[in-house]
Amino acid sequence: MEEKKYIIPQQHQIQKKDRNQLHQHRSLLLWFTGLSGSGKSTLANLLEQKLHQEAVHTYILDGDNVRAGLNKDLGFGTEDRQENIRRIGEVAKLMVDAGVLVLSAFISPFESDRQLVRELLPEGDFVEIFVDCPLEICEQRDVKGLYAKARAGLIPNFTGIDSPFEAPKTPEIHLKTNEQDLEDSVNILYNFLKTRLKLS
Protein backbone atom coordinates (compact mmCIF):
# COMPACT_ATOMS: atom_id res chain seq x y z
CA MET A 1 0.00 0.00 0.00
CA GLU A 2 1.23 3.46 -0.95
CA GLU A 3 0.40 4.89 2.48
CA LYS A 4 2.84 2.53 4.25
CA LYS A 5 5.84 4.58 3.13
CA TYR A 6 4.63 7.36 5.44
CA ILE A 7 4.78 5.12 8.52
CA ILE A 8 7.93 6.06 10.44
CA PRO A 9 8.29 4.36 13.85
CA GLN A 10 9.29 6.69 16.68
CA GLN A 11 12.46 6.07 18.69
CA HIS A 12 11.81 6.84 22.34
CA GLN A 13 14.28 7.67 25.09
CA ILE A 14 13.22 4.84 27.41
CA GLN A 15 14.10 1.46 25.94
CA LYS A 16 13.39 -2.17 26.84
CA LYS A 17 16.69 -2.44 28.76
CA ASP A 18 15.58 0.48 30.95
CA ARG A 19 12.26 -1.20 31.72
CA ASN A 20 14.04 -4.48 32.46
CA GLN A 21 16.32 -2.62 34.84
CA LEU A 22 13.31 -1.01 36.55
CA HIS A 23 11.68 -4.43 37.03
CA GLN A 24 14.99 -6.08 37.95
CA HIS A 25 14.49 -8.96 35.51
CA ARG A 26 14.59 -9.64 31.79
CA SER A 27 11.39 -9.76 29.78
CA LEU A 28 10.67 -12.79 27.61
CA LEU A 29 7.87 -14.52 25.72
CA LEU A 30 7.05 -18.02 26.92
CA TRP A 31 5.06 -19.70 24.14
CA PHE A 32 3.04 -22.69 25.36
CA THR A 33 1.88 -24.82 22.42
CA GLY A 34 0.00 -28.11 22.41
CA LEU A 35 -3.37 -29.73 21.85
CA SER A 36 -6.52 -28.53 23.57
CA GLY A 37 -6.55 -30.18 26.99
CA SER A 38 -2.80 -30.74 27.13
CA GLY A 39 -2.40 -28.38 30.09
CA LYS A 40 -1.09 -25.15 28.54
CA SER A 41 -3.29 -22.71 30.44
CA THR A 42 -3.04 -24.66 33.70
CA LEU A 43 0.77 -24.63 33.57
CA ALA A 44 0.92 -20.96 32.59
CA ASN A 45 -1.38 -20.08 35.49
CA LEU A 46 0.62 -22.06 38.07
CA LEU A 47 3.94 -20.72 36.81
CA GLU A 48 2.64 -17.15 36.90
CA GLN A 49 1.61 -17.58 40.54
CA LYS A 50 5.10 -18.82 41.42
CA LEU A 51 6.77 -15.95 39.55
CA HIS A 52 4.39 -13.37 41.02
CA GLN A 53 5.52 -14.35 44.51
CA GLU A 54 9.02 -13.32 43.46
CA ALA A 55 7.89 -9.94 42.11
CA VAL A 56 8.29 -10.90 38.45
CA HIS A 57 6.06 -8.74 36.25
CA THR A 58 3.97 -11.18 34.23
CA TYR A 59 0.91 -11.38 32.01
CA ILE A 60 -0.91 -14.38 30.50
CA LEU A 61 -2.25 -14.19 26.96
CA ASP A 62 -4.73 -17.05 26.67
CA GLY A 63 -6.51 -18.31 23.55
CA ASP A 64 -10.15 -17.96 24.60
CA ASN A 65 -9.54 -14.63 26.36
CA VAL A 66 -7.92 -13.07 23.29
CA ARG A 67 -10.61 -14.44 20.97
CA ALA A 68 -13.26 -12.90 23.22
CA GLY A 69 -11.84 -9.42 22.58
CA LEU A 70 -8.95 -8.49 20.30
CA ASN A 71 -9.58 -11.36 17.86
CA LYS A 72 -13.34 -11.78 18.16
CA ASP A 73 -13.68 -11.04 14.44
CA LEU A 74 -11.68 -14.16 13.49
CA GLY A 75 -12.96 -17.65 12.76
CA PHE A 76 -11.12 -20.98 12.81
CA GLY A 77 -10.21 -21.48 9.16
CA THR A 78 -6.53 -21.64 8.23
CA GLU A 79 -6.20 -17.96 7.27
CA ASP A 80 -7.99 -16.72 10.39
CA ARG A 81 -5.88 -19.00 12.59
CA GLN A 82 -2.73 -17.56 11.03
CA GLU A 83 -3.98 -14.02 11.57
CA ASN A 84 -4.91 -14.91 15.17
CA ILE A 85 -1.32 -15.96 15.92
CA ARG A 86 0.17 -13.01 13.99
CA ARG A 87 -1.80 -10.51 16.08
CA ILE A 88 -0.94 -12.29 19.31
CA GLY A 89 2.72 -12.25 18.30
CA GLU A 90 2.64 -8.51 17.69
CA VAL A 91 0.90 -7.85 21.02
CA ALA A 92 3.38 -10.09 22.85
CA LYS A 93 6.28 -8.27 21.18
CA LEU A 94 5.00 -4.95 22.55
CA MET A 95 4.55 -6.41 26.02
CA VAL A 96 8.06 -7.89 26.07
CA ASP A 97 9.36 -4.46 25.00
CA ALA A 98 7.37 -3.03 27.93
CA GLY A 99 9.41 -5.20 30.29
CA VAL A 100 6.81 -7.90 30.96
CA LEU A 101 7.36 -11.66 31.10
CA VAL A 102 4.56 -12.86 28.79
CA LEU A 103 3.08 -16.34 29.11
CA SER A 104 1.23 -17.14 25.90
CA ALA A 105 -1.03 -20.23 25.87
CA PHE A 106 -2.33 -21.06 22.41
CA ILE A 107 -2.75 -24.29 20.47
CA SER A 108 -0.85 -22.58 17.60
CA PRO A 109 -0.78 -25.79 15.54
CA PHE A 110 1.34 -24.63 12.62
CA GLU A 111 5.14 -24.51 12.76
CA SER A 112 5.31 -21.60 10.30
CA ASP A 113 3.12 -19.42 12.53
CA ARG A 114 5.20 -20.14 15.63
CA GLN A 115 8.36 -19.39 13.65
CA LEU A 116 6.88 -16.09 12.52
CA VAL A 117 6.37 -15.07 16.16
CA ARG A 118 9.90 -16.21 17.07
CA GLU A 119 11.31 -13.98 14.34
CA LEU A 120 9.45 -10.95 15.70
CA LEU A 121 11.59 -10.98 18.83
CA PRO A 122 15.33 -10.67 19.47
CA GLU A 123 17.17 -13.97 19.67
CA GLY A 124 16.67 -15.59 23.06
CA ASP A 125 13.47 -13.70 23.90
CA PHE A 126 11.15 -16.41 22.53
CA VAL A 127 10.93 -19.63 24.55
CA GLU A 128 8.88 -22.37 22.91
CA ILE A 129 7.31 -24.79 25.39
CA PHE A 130 5.82 -27.93 23.88
CA VAL A 131 3.08 -29.15 26.20
CA ASP A 132 2.98 -32.67 24.86
CA CYS A 133 0.04 -34.95 25.62
CA PRO A 134 -1.44 -37.76 23.50
CA LEU A 135 -4.71 -36.98 21.76
CA GLU A 136 -6.53 -39.80 23.54
CA ILE A 137 -5.57 -38.37 26.96
CA CYS A 138 -6.65 -34.86 25.93
CA GLU A 139 -9.97 -36.30 24.78
CA GLN A 140 -10.44 -38.09 28.10
CA ARG A 141 -9.90 -34.81 29.93
CA ASP A 142 -12.07 -32.75 27.52
CA VAL A 143 -12.90 -30.27 30.29
CA LYS A 144 -14.75 -27.96 27.88
CA GLY A 145 -16.47 -30.74 25.94
CA LEU A 146 -14.86 -29.54 22.72
CA TYR A 147 -13.58 -32.88 21.45
CA ALA A 148 -17.03 -34.43 21.80
CA LYS A 149 -18.54 -31.56 19.80
CA ALA A 150 -15.78 -31.86 17.17
CA ARG A 151 -16.36 -35.62 16.86
CA ALA A 152 -20.06 -34.88 16.38
CA GLY A 153 -19.24 -32.46 13.56
CA LEU A 154 -20.34 -29.39 15.50
CA ILE A 155 -16.89 -27.77 15.51
CA PRO A 156 -15.12 -27.88 12.12
CA ASN A 157 -11.35 -27.52 11.70
CA PHE A 158 -10.67 -28.72 15.24
CA THR A 159 -7.00 -29.40 15.90
CA GLY A 160 -6.27 -33.09 16.37
CA ILE A 161 -9.57 -34.19 14.83
CA ASP A 162 -9.89 -32.75 11.33
CA SER A 163 -7.06 -30.23 11.41
CA PRO A 164 -3.40 -31.14 11.98
CA PHE A 165 -1.08 -30.23 14.84
CA GLU A 166 2.56 -29.79 13.78
CA ALA A 167 4.62 -30.68 16.83
CA PRO A 168 7.67 -28.49 17.53
CA LYS A 169 10.90 -30.10 16.35
CA THR A 170 13.32 -28.27 18.66
CA PRO A 171 11.41 -26.54 21.48
CA GLU A 172 13.39 -24.96 24.28
CA ILE A 173 11.32 -27.01 26.74
CA HIS A 174 9.44 -30.27 26.11
CA LEU A 175 6.94 -31.28 28.80
CA LYS A 176 5.02 -34.57 28.73
CA THR A 177 1.99 -33.81 30.84
CA ASN A 178 0.64 -37.35 30.70
CA GLU A 179 3.85 -38.56 32.41
CA GLN A 180 4.84 -35.63 34.65
CA ASP A 181 2.70 -34.20 37.42
CA LEU A 182 1.91 -30.50 37.45
CA GLU A 183 4.36 -29.61 40.21
CA ASP A 184 7.27 -31.27 38.39
CA SER A 185 6.39 -29.52 35.14
CA VAL A 186 6.15 -26.12 36.83
CA ASN A 187 9.51 -26.68 38.55
CA ILE A 188 11.13 -27.55 35.22
CA LEU A 189 9.86 -24.25 33.80
CA TYR A 190 10.84 -22.27 36.88
CA ASN A 191 14.36 -23.69 37.02
CA PHE A 192 14.84 -22.97 33.32
CA LEU A 193 13.80 -19.36 33.87
CA LYS A 194 15.85 -18.62 36.98
CA THR A 195 19.03 -17.87 35.03
CA ARG A 196 17.24 -16.52 31.94
CA LEU A 197 15.55 -13.76 33.91
CA LYS A 198 18.73 -12.38 35.43
CA LEU A 199 19.98 -9.09 34.05
CA SER A 200 23.34 -9.31 32.32
C-alpha atoms as a PDB file:
ATOM      1  CA  MET A   1       0.000   0.000   0.000  1.00  0.00           C
ATOM      2  CA  GLU A   2       1.226   3.459  -0.953  1.00  0.00           C
ATOM      3  CA  GLU A   3       0.398   4.886   2.482  1.00  0.00           C
ATOM      4  CA  LYS A   4       2.843   2.533   4.245  1.00  0.00           C
ATOM      5  CA  LYS A   5       5.840   4.576   3.129  1.00  0.00           C
ATOM      6  CA  TYR A   6       4.635   7.363   5.436  1.00  0.00           C
ATOM      7  CA  ILE A   7       4.780   5.117   8.525  1.00  0.00           C
ATOM      8  CA  ILE A   8       7.928   6.063  10.435  1.00  0.00           C
ATOM      9  CA  PRO A   9       8.287   4.364  13.846  1.00  0.00           C
ATOM     10  CA  GLN A  10       9.290   6.693  16.682  1.00  0.00           C
ATOM     11  CA  GLN A  11      12.460   6.073  18.688  1.00  0.00           C
ATOM     12  CA  HIS A  12      11.806   6.844  22.343  1.00  0.00           C
ATOM     13  CA  GLN A  13      14.276   7.666  25.094  1.00  0.00           C
ATOM     14  CA  ILE A  14      13.220   4.844  27.415  1.00  0.00           C
ATOM     15  CA  GLN A  15      14.102   1.460  25.944  1.00  0.00           C
ATOM     16  CA  LYS A  16      13.394  -2.171  26.836  1.00  0.00           C
ATOM     17  CA  LYS A  17      16.689  -2.438  28.758  1.00  0.00           C
ATOM     18  CA  ASP A  18      15.581   0.479  30.952  1.00  0.00           C
ATOM     19  CA  ARG A  19      12.261  -1.204  31.718  1.00  0.00           C
ATOM     20  CA  ASN A  20      14.035  -4.479  32.463  1.00  0.00           C
ATOM     21  CA  GLN A  21      16.318  -2.617  34.844  1.00  0.00           C
ATOM     22  CA  LEU A  22      13.311  -1.015  36.549  1.00  0.00           C
ATOM     23  CA  HIS A  23      11.676  -4.428  37.031  1.00  0.00           C
ATOM     24  CA  GLN A  24      14.994  -6.077  37.946  1.00  0.00           C
ATOM     25  CA  HIS A  25      14.495  -8.963  35.510  1.00  0.00           C
ATOM     26  CA  ARG A  26      14.588  -9.642  31.792  1.00  0.00           C
ATOM     27  CA  SER A  27      11.388  -9.761  29.775  1.00  0.00           C
ATOM     28  CA  LEU A  28      10.666 -12.792  27.614  1.00  0.00           C
ATOM     29  CA  LEU A  29       7.872 -14.517  25.718  1.00  0.00           C
ATOM     30  CA  LEU A  30       7.045 -18.021  26.919  1.00  0.00           C
ATOM     31  CA  TRP A  31       5.065 -19.698  24.141  1.00  0.00           C
ATOM     32  CA  PHE A  32       3.040 -22.692  25.361  1.00  0.00           C
ATOM     33  CA  THR A  33       1.878 -24.816  22.417  1.00  0.00           C
ATOM     34  CA  GLY A  34      -0.003 -28.111  22.406  1.00  0.00           C
ATOM     35  CA  LEU A  35      -3.374 -29.733  21.845  1.00  0.00           C
ATOM     36  CA  SER A  36      -6.515 -28.530  23.568  1.00  0.00           C
ATOM     37  CA  GLY A  37      -6.554 -30.178  26.991  1.00  0.00           C
ATOM     38  CA  SER A  38      -2.799 -30.743  27.126  1.00  0.00           C
ATOM     39  CA  GLY A  39      -2.403 -28.379  30.094  1.00  0.00           C
ATOM     40  CA  LYS A  40      -1.091 -25.152  28.537  1.00  0.00           C
ATOM     41  CA  SER A  41      -3.287 -22.712  30.443  1.00  0.00           C
ATOM     42  CA  THR A  42      -3.044 -24.656  33.705  1.00  0.00           C
ATOM     43  CA  LEU A  43       0.767 -24.626  33.569  1.00  0.00           C
ATOM     44  CA  ALA A  44       0.917 -20.955  32.590  1.00  0.00           C
ATOM     45  CA  ASN A  45      -1.377 -20.078  35.492  1.00  0.00           C
ATOM     46  CA  LEU A  46       0.617 -22.056  38.072  1.00  0.00           C
ATOM     47  CA  LEU A  47       3.942 -20.724  36.806  1.00  0.00           C
ATOM     48  CA  GLU A  48       2.643 -17.149  36.898  1.00  0.00           C
ATOM     49  CA  GLN A  49       1.613 -17.581  40.538  1.00  0.00           C
ATOM     50  CA  LYS A  50       5.100 -18.815  41.420  1.00  0.00           C
ATOM     51  CA  LEU A  51       6.767 -15.946  39.551  1.00  0.00           C
ATOM     52  CA  HIS A  52       4.388 -13.368  41.017  1.00  0.00           C
ATOM     53  CA  GLN A  53       5.518 -14.353  44.515  1.00  0.00           C
ATOM     54  CA  GLU A  54       9.025 -13.321  43.459  1.00  0.00           C
ATOM     55  CA  ALA A  55       7.886  -9.944  42.112  1.00  0.00           C
ATOM     56  CA  VAL A  56       8.292 -10.904  38.447  1.00  0.00           C
ATOM     57  CA  HIS A  57       6.057  -8.744  36.247  1.00  0.00           C
ATOM     58  CA  THR A  58       3.973 -11.185  34.226  1.00  0.00           C
ATOM     59  CA  TYR A  59       0.910 -11.381  32.009  1.00  0.00           C
ATOM     60  CA  ILE A  60      -0.910 -14.378  30.501  1.00  0.00           C
ATOM     61  CA  LEU A  61      -2.251 -14.191  26.958  1.00  0.00           C
ATOM     62  CA  ASP A  62      -4.733 -17.054  26.674  1.00  0.00           C
ATOM     63  CA  GLY A  63      -6.510 -18.308  23.555  1.00  0.00           C
ATOM     64  CA  ASP A  64     -10.151 -17.957  24.602  1.00  0.00           C
ATOM     65  CA  ASN A  65      -9.543 -14.628  26.355  1.00  0.00           C
ATOM     66  CA  VAL A  66      -7.920 -13.069  23.288  1.00  0.00           C
ATOM     67  CA  ARG A  67     -10.610 -14.436  20.969  1.00  0.00           C
ATOM     68  CA  ALA A  68     -13.261 -12.900  23.218  1.00  0.00           C
ATOM     69  CA  GLY A  69     -11.835  -9.421  22.579  1.00  0.00           C
ATOM     70  CA  LEU A  70      -8.954  -8.492  20.297  1.00  0.00           C
ATOM     71  CA  ASN A  71      -9.578 -11.361  17.864  1.00  0.00           C
ATOM     72  CA  LYS A  72     -13.338 -11.778  18.155  1.00  0.00           C
ATOM     73  CA  ASP A  73     -13.683 -11.040  14.442  1.00  0.00           C
ATOM     74  CA  LEU A  74     -11.681 -14.155  13.490  1.00  0.00           C
ATOM     75  CA  GLY A  75     -12.961 -17.649  12.761  1.00  0.00           C
ATOM     76  CA  PHE A  76     -11.116 -20.975  12.812  1.00  0.00           C
ATOM     77  CA  GLY A  77     -10.206 -21.476   9.163  1.00  0.00           C
ATOM     78  CA  THR A  78      -6.530 -21.637   8.227  1.00  0.00           C
ATOM     79  CA  GLU A  79      -6.199 -17.960   7.272  1.00  0.00           C
ATOM     80  CA  ASP A  80      -7.986 -16.722  10.390  1.00  0.00           C
ATOM     81  CA  ARG A  81      -5.876 -19.002  12.591  1.00  0.00           C
ATOM     82  CA  GLN A  82      -2.734 -17.563  11.029  1.00  0.00           C
ATOM     83  CA  GLU A  83      -3.977 -14.018  11.572  1.00  0.00           C
ATOM     84  CA  ASN A  84      -4.906 -14.907  15.167  1.00  0.00           C
ATOM     85  CA  ILE A  85      -1.320 -15.960  15.918  1.00  0.00           C
ATOM     86  CA  ARG A  86       0.171 -13.014  13.987  1.00  0.00           C
ATOM     87  CA  ARG A  87      -1.801 -10.512  16.080  1.00  0.00           C
ATOM     88  CA  ILE A  88      -0.938 -12.291  19.306  1.00  0.00           C
ATOM     89  CA  GLY A  89       2.724 -12.249  18.304  1.00  0.00           C
ATOM     90  CA  GLU A  90       2.643  -8.505  17.690  1.00  0.00           C
ATOM     91  CA  VAL A  91       0.900  -7.847  21.021  1.00  0.00           C
ATOM     92  CA  ALA A  92       3.377 -10.091  22.850  1.00  0.00           C
ATOM     93  CA  LYS A  93       6.277  -8.274  21.177  1.00  0.00           C
ATOM     94  CA  LEU A  94       5.001  -4.953  22.549  1.00  0.00           C
ATOM     95  CA  MET A  95       4.547  -6.409  26.023  1.00  0.00           C
ATOM     96  CA  VAL A  96       8.060  -7.885  26.065  1.00  0.00           C
ATOM     97  CA  ASP A  97       9.356  -4.464  25.000  1.00  0.00           C
ATOM     98  CA  ALA A  98       7.370  -3.027  27.929  1.00  0.00           C
ATOM     99  CA  GLY A  99       9.411  -5.201  30.289  1.00  0.00           C
ATOM    100  CA  VAL A 100       6.814  -7.901  30.962  1.00  0.00           C
ATOM    101  CA  LEU A 101       7.358 -11.656  31.100  1.00  0.00           C
ATOM    102  CA  VAL A 102       4.565 -12.858  28.786  1.00  0.00           C
ATOM    103  CA  LEU A 103       3.077 -16.337  29.112  1.00  0.00           C
ATOM    104  CA  SER A 104       1.234 -17.139  25.895  1.00  0.00           C
ATOM    105  CA  ALA A 105      -1.026 -20.230  25.872  1.00  0.00           C
ATOM    106  CA  PHE A 106      -2.330 -21.060  22.407  1.00  0.00           C
ATOM    107  CA  ILE A 107      -2.750 -24.288  20.474  1.00  0.00           C
ATOM    108  CA  SER A 108      -0.852 -22.575  17.605  1.00  0.00           C
ATOM    109  CA  PRO A 109      -0.785 -25.795  15.544  1.00  0.00           C
ATOM    110  CA  PHE A 110       1.344 -24.628  12.617  1.00  0.00           C
ATOM    111  CA  GLU A 111       5.143 -24.513  12.763  1.00  0.00           C
ATOM    112  CA  SER A 112       5.313 -21.599  10.304  1.00  0.00           C
ATOM    113  CA  ASP A 113       3.124 -19.422  12.534  1.00  0.00           C
ATOM    114  CA  ARG A 114       5.198 -20.144  15.626  1.00  0.00           C
ATOM    115  CA  GLN A 115       8.361 -19.393  13.653  1.00  0.00           C
ATOM    116  CA  LEU A 116       6.881 -16.086  12.516  1.00  0.00           C
ATOM    117  CA  VAL A 117       6.374 -15.066  16.161  1.00  0.00           C
ATOM    118  CA  ARG A 118       9.897 -16.215  17.070  1.00  0.00           C
ATOM    119  CA  GLU A 119      11.314 -13.983  14.340  1.00  0.00           C
ATOM    120  CA  LEU A 120       9.447 -10.947  15.702  1.00  0.00           C
ATOM    121  CA  LEU A 121      11.588 -10.982  18.833  1.00  0.00           C
ATOM    122  CA  PRO A 122      15.332 -10.669  19.473  1.00  0.00           C
ATOM    123  CA  GLU A 123      17.167 -13.971  19.670  1.00  0.00           C
ATOM    124  CA  GLY A 124      16.668 -15.593  23.064  1.00  0.00           C
ATOM    125  CA  ASP A 125      13.475 -13.704  23.901  1.00  0.00           C
ATOM    126  CA  PHE A 126      11.152 -16.411  22.527  1.00  0.00           C
ATOM    127  CA  VAL A 127      10.926 -19.628  24.548  1.00  0.00           C
ATOM    128  CA  GLU A 128       8.884 -22.371  22.910  1.00  0.00           C
ATOM    129  CA  ILE A 129       7.313 -24.791  25.391  1.00  0.00           C
ATOM    130  CA  PHE A 130       5.818 -27.928  23.876  1.00  0.00           C
ATOM    131  CA  VAL A 131       3.080 -29.148  26.204  1.00  0.00           C
ATOM    132  CA  ASP A 132       2.983 -32.674  24.855  1.00  0.00           C
ATOM    133  CA  CYS A 133       0.043 -34.946  25.624  1.00  0.00           C
ATOM    134  CA  PRO A 134      -1.436 -37.756  23.499  1.00  0.00           C
ATOM    135  CA  LEU A 135      -4.715 -36.984  21.758  1.00  0.00           C
ATOM    136  CA  GLU A 136      -6.531 -39.796  23.542  1.00  0.00           C
ATOM    137  CA  ILE A 137      -5.570 -38.369  26.960  1.00  0.00           C
ATOM    138  CA  CYS A 138      -6.650 -34.865  25.928  1.00  0.00           C
ATOM    139  CA  GLU A 139      -9.970 -36.302  24.779  1.00  0.00           C
ATOM    140  CA  GLN A 140     -10.436 -38.091  28.098  1.00  0.00           C
ATOM    141  CA  ARG A 141      -9.895 -34.813  29.928  1.00  0.00           C
ATOM    142  CA  ASP A 142     -12.074 -32.752  27.524  1.00  0.00           C
ATOM    143  CA  VAL A 143     -12.904 -30.266  30.290  1.00  0.00           C
ATOM    144  CA  LYS A 144     -14.753 -27.956  27.881  1.00  0.00           C
ATOM    145  CA  GLY A 145     -16.472 -30.736  25.937  1.00  0.00           C
ATOM    146  CA  LEU A 146     -14.857 -29.541  22.715  1.00  0.00           C
ATOM    147  CA  TYR A 147     -13.583 -32.883  21.450  1.00  0.00           C
ATOM    148  CA  ALA A 148     -17.033 -34.428  21.797  1.00  0.00           C
ATOM    149  CA  LYS A 149     -18.536 -31.556  19.798  1.00  0.00           C
ATOM    150  CA  ALA A 150     -15.777 -31.863  17.172  1.00  0.00           C
ATOM    151  CA  ARG A 151     -16.360 -35.617  16.864  1.00  0.00           C
ATOM    152  CA  ALA A 152     -20.056 -34.883  16.377  1.00  0.00           C
ATOM    153  CA  GLY A 153     -19.238 -32.458  13.557  1.00  0.00           C
ATOM    154  CA  LEU A 154     -20.343 -29.394  15.498  1.00  0.00           C
ATOM    155  CA  ILE A 155     -16.887 -27.766  15.509  1.00  0.00           C
ATOM    156  CA  PRO A 156     -15.120 -27.881  12.125  1.00  0.00           C
ATOM    157  CA  ASN A 157     -11.348 -27.522  11.701  1.00  0.00           C
ATOM    158  CA  PHE A 158     -10.669 -28.722  15.235  1.00  0.00           C
ATOM    159  CA  THR A 159      -6.996 -29.405  15.903  1.00  0.00           C
ATOM    160  CA  GLY A 160      -6.272 -33.088  16.372  1.00  0.00           C
ATOM    161  CA  ILE A 161      -9.573 -34.189  14.835  1.00  0.00           C
ATOM    162  CA  ASP A 162      -9.886 -32.753  11.330  1.00  0.00           C
ATOM    163  CA  SER A 163      -7.056 -30.230  11.407  1.00  0.00           C
ATOM    164  CA  PRO A 164      -3.395 -31.140  11.984  1.00  0.00           C
ATOM    165  CA  PHE A 165      -1.076 -30.230  14.835  1.00  0.00           C
ATOM    166  CA  GLU A 166       2.560 -29.788  13.781  1.00  0.00           C
ATOM    167  CA  ALA A 167       4.624 -30.681  16.834  1.00  0.00           C
ATOM    168  CA  PRO A 168       7.673 -28.486  17.527  1.00  0.00           C
ATOM    169  CA  LYS A 169      10.903 -30.103  16.347  1.00  0.00           C
ATOM    170  CA  THR A 170      13.320 -28.273  18.663  1.00  0.00           C
ATOM    171  CA  PRO A 171      11.413 -26.536  21.477  1.00  0.00           C
ATOM    172  CA  GLU A 172      13.393 -24.959  24.277  1.00  0.00           C
ATOM    173  CA  ILE A 173      11.315 -27.012  26.742  1.00  0.00           C
ATOM    174  CA  HIS A 174       9.443 -30.273  26.112  1.00  0.00           C
ATOM    175  CA  LEU A 175       6.942 -31.276  28.801  1.00  0.00           C
ATOM    176  CA  LYS A 176       5.025 -34.567  28.734  1.00  0.00           C
ATOM    177  CA  THR A 177       1.989 -33.811  30.840  1.00  0.00           C
ATOM    178  CA  ASN A 178       0.643 -37.350  30.702  1.00  0.00           C
ATOM    179  CA  GLU A 179       3.853 -38.558  32.413  1.00  0.00           C
ATOM    180  CA  GLN A 180       4.839 -35.632  34.652  1.00  0.00           C
ATOM    181  CA  ASP A 181       2.698 -34.195  37.423  1.00  0.00           C
ATOM    182  CA  LEU A 182       1.912 -30.500  37.447  1.00  0.00           C
ATOM    183  CA  GLU A 183       4.357 -29.612  40.210  1.00  0.00           C
ATOM    184  CA  ASP A 184       7.268 -31.271  38.392  1.00  0.00           C
ATOM    185  CA  SER A 185       6.386 -29.520  35.137  1.00  0.00           C
ATOM    186  CA  VAL A 186       6.152 -26.118  36.829  1.00  0.00           C
ATOM    187  CA  ASN A 187       9.506 -26.678  38.551  1.00  0.00           C
ATOM    188  CA  ILE A 188      11.130 -27.547  35.221  1.00  0.00           C
ATOM    189  CA  LEU A 189       9.859 -24.254  33.800  1.00  0.00           C
ATOM    190  CA  TYR A 190      10.841 -22.273  36.881  1.00  0.00           C
ATOM    191  CA  ASN A 191      14.358 -23.689  37.023  1.00  0.00           C
ATOM    192  CA  PHE A 192      14.842 -22.971  33.319  1.00  0.00           C
ATOM    193  CA  LEU A 193      13.801 -19.358  33.865  1.00  0.00           C
ATOM    194  CA  LYS A 194      15.850 -18.621  36.978  1.00  0.00           C
ATOM    195  CA  THR A 195      19.033 -17.875  35.033  1.00  0.00           C
ATOM    196  CA  ARG A 196      17.245 -16.518  31.937  1.00  0.00           C
ATOM    197  CA  LEU A 197      15.555 -13.756  33.909  1.00  0.00           C
ATOM    198  CA  LYS A 198      18.726 -12.380  35.430  1.00  0.00           C
ATOM    199  CA  LEU A 199      19.975  -9.088  34.054  1.00  0.00           C
ATOM    200  CA  SER A 200      23.341  -9.315  32.321  1.00  0.00           C
END
